[in-house]
Amino acid sequence: MADSPGPTVASSDGRPTDFELVQRLAQGDRSAFGELYDRYGTPAYSLARRICVDPELAEDVVQEAFLALWRHPARFDPARGSFGTWLMTLVHHRAVDAVRKENTQRRRTVPLTDDISPPAEGSDHAALISVVSAEVRAALHTLPEEQRQVIALAYLGGYTQCEVAKLTGVPLGTVKSRTFAAIRRLRGTLGNLWAGETGETTGVHR
């Protein structure tokens, strides 16, 4: 699951609350901004990295999110929830937008093809979760934008399919179909990659 939003109340050593820091930031206190970054910079980057995959893109997302905080601290409304939740939501939305823009630009310059092998039957979800490798991350970049988005949120961001549907505004049935299509495509792509490395031919094994 996504990282914990972090501290939201004053600690036993008397540190200021997040809300107090945001109030100070709204008055131009740079030290308050630095303290908020110290508290949330790491979990923000972790969440952005899980969604974006690319570390440089994740860094850009975090920088943009904190820049938005610096420019408009009053956008945080404590009546609607904790600061940590608000900031992580901001990071999430910007990460999803970044992935969408990256895929749009990539598809304009490098057309995707559907020349892949048929998927093997089996536990697709378990297979995807258990495999963490450079090949998987590279394969993610070959997915169409809408498929990569649901995979990034579900398997890298730790969200359930119901949560993905709410976050993206896409019907649950569509999320499920895109997830299945993405897993099938990844199985075929990874099968071709591994076959190329070993010199074997791909096929369905029963």
Protein backbone atom coordinates (compact mmCIF):
# COMPACT_ATOMS: atom_id res chain seq x y z
CA MET A 1 0.00 0.00 0.00
CA ALA A 2 0.98 3.66 -0.29
CA ASP A 3 3.20 5.11 2.38
CA SER A 4 1.68 6.55 5.53
CA PRO A 5 1.00 10.28 5.10
CA GLY A 6 3.23 11.02 8.07
CA PRO A 7 2.77 13.03 11.26
CA THR A 8 -0.32 15.19 11.55
CA VAL A 9 -0.18 16.32 15.16
CA ALA A 10 2.45 17.77 17.43
CA SER A 11 4.88 15.23 18.81
CA SER A 12 5.86 14.81 22.42
CA ASP A 13 8.90 17.03 21.88
CA GLY A 14 6.65 19.99 21.11
CA ARG A 15 7.12 20.19 17.35
CA PRO A 16 4.49 22.28 15.52
CA THR A 17 1.57 20.56 13.85
CA ASP A 18 1.27 20.36 10.07
CA PHE A 19 -1.54 22.91 10.18
CA GLU A 20 0.62 25.34 12.16
CA LEU A 21 3.40 24.93 9.63
CA VAL A 22 1.03 25.56 6.74
CA GLN A 23 -0.21 28.71 8.46
CA ARG A 24 3.36 29.91 8.89
CA LEU A 25 4.08 29.05 5.25
CA ALA A 26 1.12 31.16 4.16
CA GLN A 27 2.83 34.06 5.92
CA GLY A 28 6.04 33.47 3.95
CA ASP A 29 7.96 31.41 6.52
CA ARG A 30 10.56 29.46 4.50
CA SER A 31 11.60 27.37 7.49
CA ALA A 32 8.04 26.04 7.76
CA PHE A 33 8.23 24.90 4.15
CA GLY A 34 11.52 23.14 4.85
CA GLU A 35 10.06 21.32 7.84
CA LEU A 36 7.05 20.16 5.84
CA TYR A 37 9.39 18.87 3.15
CA ASP A 38 11.46 17.02 5.74
CA ARG A 39 8.30 15.33 6.99
CA TYR A 40 6.75 14.42 3.67
CA GLY A 41 9.47 14.49 1.02
CA THR A 42 10.35 10.80 1.35
CA PRO A 43 6.81 9.33 1.34
CA ALA A 44 5.85 11.72 -1.47
CA TYR A 45 8.74 10.50 -3.61
CA SER A 46 7.99 6.87 -2.77
CA LEU A 47 4.40 7.25 -3.96
CA ALA A 48 5.41 9.14 -7.09
CA ARG A 49 8.07 6.53 -7.91
CA ARG A 50 5.56 3.69 -7.62
CA ILE A 51 3.21 5.38 -10.06
CA CYS A 52 5.73 6.91 -12.48
CA VAL A 53 8.31 4.08 -12.31
CA ASP A 54 10.93 6.43 -13.77
CA PRO A 55 12.93 8.02 -10.90
CA GLU A 56 13.56 11.32 -12.69
CA LEU A 57 9.89 11.69 -13.55
CA ALA A 58 9.00 10.94 -9.92
CA GLU A 59 11.41 13.63 -8.73
CA ASP A 60 9.79 16.14 -11.08
CA VAL A 61 6.36 15.23 -9.74
CA VAL A 62 7.41 15.76 -6.12
CA GLN A 63 9.07 19.05 -6.99
CA GLU A 64 5.91 20.26 -8.74
CA ALA A 65 3.70 19.19 -5.83
CA PHE A 66 5.79 21.04 -3.26
CA LEU A 67 6.06 24.04 -5.56
CA ALA A 68 2.26 24.12 -5.68
CA LEU A 69 2.22 24.00 -1.88
CA TRP A 70 4.70 26.87 -1.70
CA ARG A 71 2.68 29.01 -4.11
CA HIS A 72 -0.78 28.22 -2.77
CA PRO A 73 -0.64 26.93 0.84
CA ALA A 74 -4.18 28.19 1.45
CA ARG A 75 -5.53 25.46 -0.83
CA PHE A 76 -5.13 23.03 2.04
CA ASP A 77 -8.43 22.90 3.92
CA PRO A 78 -8.06 21.23 7.35
CA ALA A 79 -11.83 20.76 7.49
CA ARG A 80 -11.58 18.20 4.67
CA GLY A 81 -8.87 16.03 6.18
CA SER A 82 -5.25 15.91 7.29
CA PHE A 83 -2.45 17.72 5.54
CA GLY A 84 -0.65 14.45 4.82
CA THR A 85 -3.67 13.03 3.01
CA TRP A 86 -4.11 16.24 1.05
CA LEU A 87 -0.47 16.33 -0.02
CA MET A 88 -0.36 12.64 -1.00
CA THR A 89 -3.51 13.15 -3.07
CA LEU A 90 -1.84 16.09 -4.80
CA VAL A 91 1.25 13.99 -5.52
CA HIS A 92 -0.90 11.15 -6.79
CA HIS A 93 -2.82 13.33 -9.22
CA ARG A 94 0.33 14.95 -10.55
CA ALA A 95 2.03 11.56 -10.94
CA VAL A 96 -0.90 10.18 -12.93
CA ASP A 97 -0.90 13.30 -15.11
CA ALA A 98 2.85 12.95 -15.66
CA VAL A 99 2.48 9.32 -16.73
CA ARG A 100 -0.34 10.29 -19.09
CA LYS A 101 1.68 13.09 -20.70
CA GLU A 102 4.77 10.90 -21.02
CA ASN A 103 2.84 8.14 -22.76
CA THR A 104 1.10 10.60 -25.08
CA GLN A 105 4.43 12.09 -26.16
CA ARG A 106 5.98 8.64 -26.58
CA ARG A 107 3.13 7.36 -28.72
CA ARG A 108 3.47 10.36 -31.02
CA THR A 109 7.10 9.52 -31.76
CA VAL A 110 7.28 5.73 -31.30
CA PRO A 111 4.17 3.89 -32.57
CA LEU A 112 3.20 0.84 -30.52
CA THR A 113 2.58 -2.53 -32.13
CA ASP A 114 0.37 -5.42 -31.06
CA ASP A 115 2.66 -8.12 -32.40
CA ILE A 116 2.89 -10.17 -29.23
CA SER A 117 2.48 -13.82 -28.33
CA PRO A 118 -0.78 -15.16 -26.85
CA PRO A 119 -0.80 -15.17 -23.04
CA ALA A 120 -0.40 -18.37 -21.11
CA GLU A 121 -3.15 -19.38 -18.73
CA GLY A 122 -2.49 -19.07 -15.04
CA SER A 123 -2.45 -16.70 -12.12
CA ASP A 124 -1.69 -13.44 -13.94
CA HIS A 125 -1.99 -11.22 -10.89
CA ALA A 126 0.28 -13.40 -8.76
CA ALA A 127 2.82 -13.60 -11.56
CA LEU A 128 2.96 -9.85 -12.02
CA ILE A 129 3.26 -9.10 -8.31
CA SER A 130 6.01 -11.68 -7.79
CA VAL A 131 8.21 -10.46 -10.64
CA VAL A 132 10.21 -7.33 -9.87
CA SER A 133 12.85 -6.75 -12.52
CA ALA A 134 14.21 -4.31 -15.04
CA GLU A 135 12.37 -6.19 -17.80
CA VAL A 136 9.03 -5.60 -16.08
CA ARG A 137 9.69 -1.90 -15.68
CA ALA A 138 10.75 -1.61 -19.30
CA ALA A 139 7.67 -3.53 -20.41
CA LEU A 140 5.42 -1.12 -18.53
CA HIS A 141 6.52 1.63 -20.89
CA THR A 142 5.14 -0.32 -23.87
CA LEU A 143 1.60 -0.29 -22.52
CA PRO A 144 -1.04 2.09 -23.87
CA GLU A 145 -1.62 5.05 -21.58
CA GLU A 146 -4.92 3.86 -20.08
CA GLN A 147 -3.55 0.37 -19.34
CA ARG A 148 -0.33 1.63 -17.78
CA GLN A 149 -2.31 3.98 -15.56
CA VAL A 150 -4.38 1.24 -13.93
CA ILE A 151 -1.38 -1.07 -13.57
CA ALA A 152 0.72 1.69 -12.00
CA LEU A 153 -1.97 2.56 -9.51
CA ALA A 154 -2.94 -1.01 -8.63
CA TYR A 155 0.37 -2.86 -8.58
CA LEU A 156 2.86 -0.07 -7.96
CA GLY A 157 0.72 2.37 -6.01
CA GLY A 158 -0.97 -0.32 -3.93
CA TYR A 159 -4.56 0.73 -4.65
CA THR A 160 -7.47 -1.71 -5.02
CA GLN A 161 -9.38 -1.80 -8.29
CA CYS A 162 -12.30 -0.04 -6.61
CA GLU A 163 -9.94 2.71 -5.45
CA VAL A 164 -8.42 2.96 -8.94
CA ALA A 165 -11.92 3.42 -10.37
CA LYS A 166 -12.64 6.26 -7.94
CA LEU A 167 -9.26 7.93 -8.46
CA THR A 168 -9.45 7.85 -12.25
CA GLY A 169 -13.18 8.36 -12.64
CA VAL A 170 -13.39 5.22 -14.77
CA PRO A 171 -16.10 2.54 -14.20
CA LEU A 172 -14.94 -0.48 -12.22
CA GLY A 173 -15.70 -2.82 -15.13
CA THR A 174 -13.47 -0.75 -17.40
CA VAL A 175 -10.68 -0.80 -14.82
CA LYS A 176 -10.91 -4.58 -14.65
CA SER A 177 -10.87 -5.00 -18.44
CA ARG A 178 -7.90 -2.65 -18.81
CA THR A 179 -6.05 -4.48 -16.06
CA PHE A 180 -6.64 -7.84 -17.75
CA ALA A 181 -5.54 -6.47 -21.13
CA ALA A 182 -2.41 -4.93 -19.60
CA ILE A 183 -1.44 -8.14 -17.82
CA ARG A 184 -1.99 -10.13 -21.01
CA ARG A 185 0.17 -7.72 -22.97
CA LEU A 186 2.89 -7.77 -20.33
CA ARG A 187 2.94 -11.56 -20.30
CA GLY A 188 3.42 -11.59 -24.04
CA THR A 189 6.04 -8.84 -24.02
CA LEU A 190 8.03 -10.38 -21.19
CA GLY A 191 7.77 -13.79 -22.78
CA ASN A 192 9.31 -12.41 -25.95
CA LEU A 193 12.07 -10.67 -23.99
CA TRP A 194 13.04 -13.74 -22.01
CA ALA A 195 12.85 -15.95 -25.09
CA GLY A 196 15.16 -13.57 -26.91
CA GLU A 197 17.72 -13.76 -24.12
CA THR A 198 17.67 -17.56 -23.89
CA GLY A 199 17.23 -18.32 -27.55
CA GLU A 200 14.00 -20.23 -26.89
CA THR A 201 10.73 -19.80 -28.71
CA THR A 202 7.63 -18.61 -26.92
CA GLY A 203 4.51 -20.68 -26.65
CA VAL A 204 1.72 -21.77 -24.38
CA HIS A 205 2.65 -24.47 -21.92
CA ARG A 206 -0.04 -26.56 -20.29
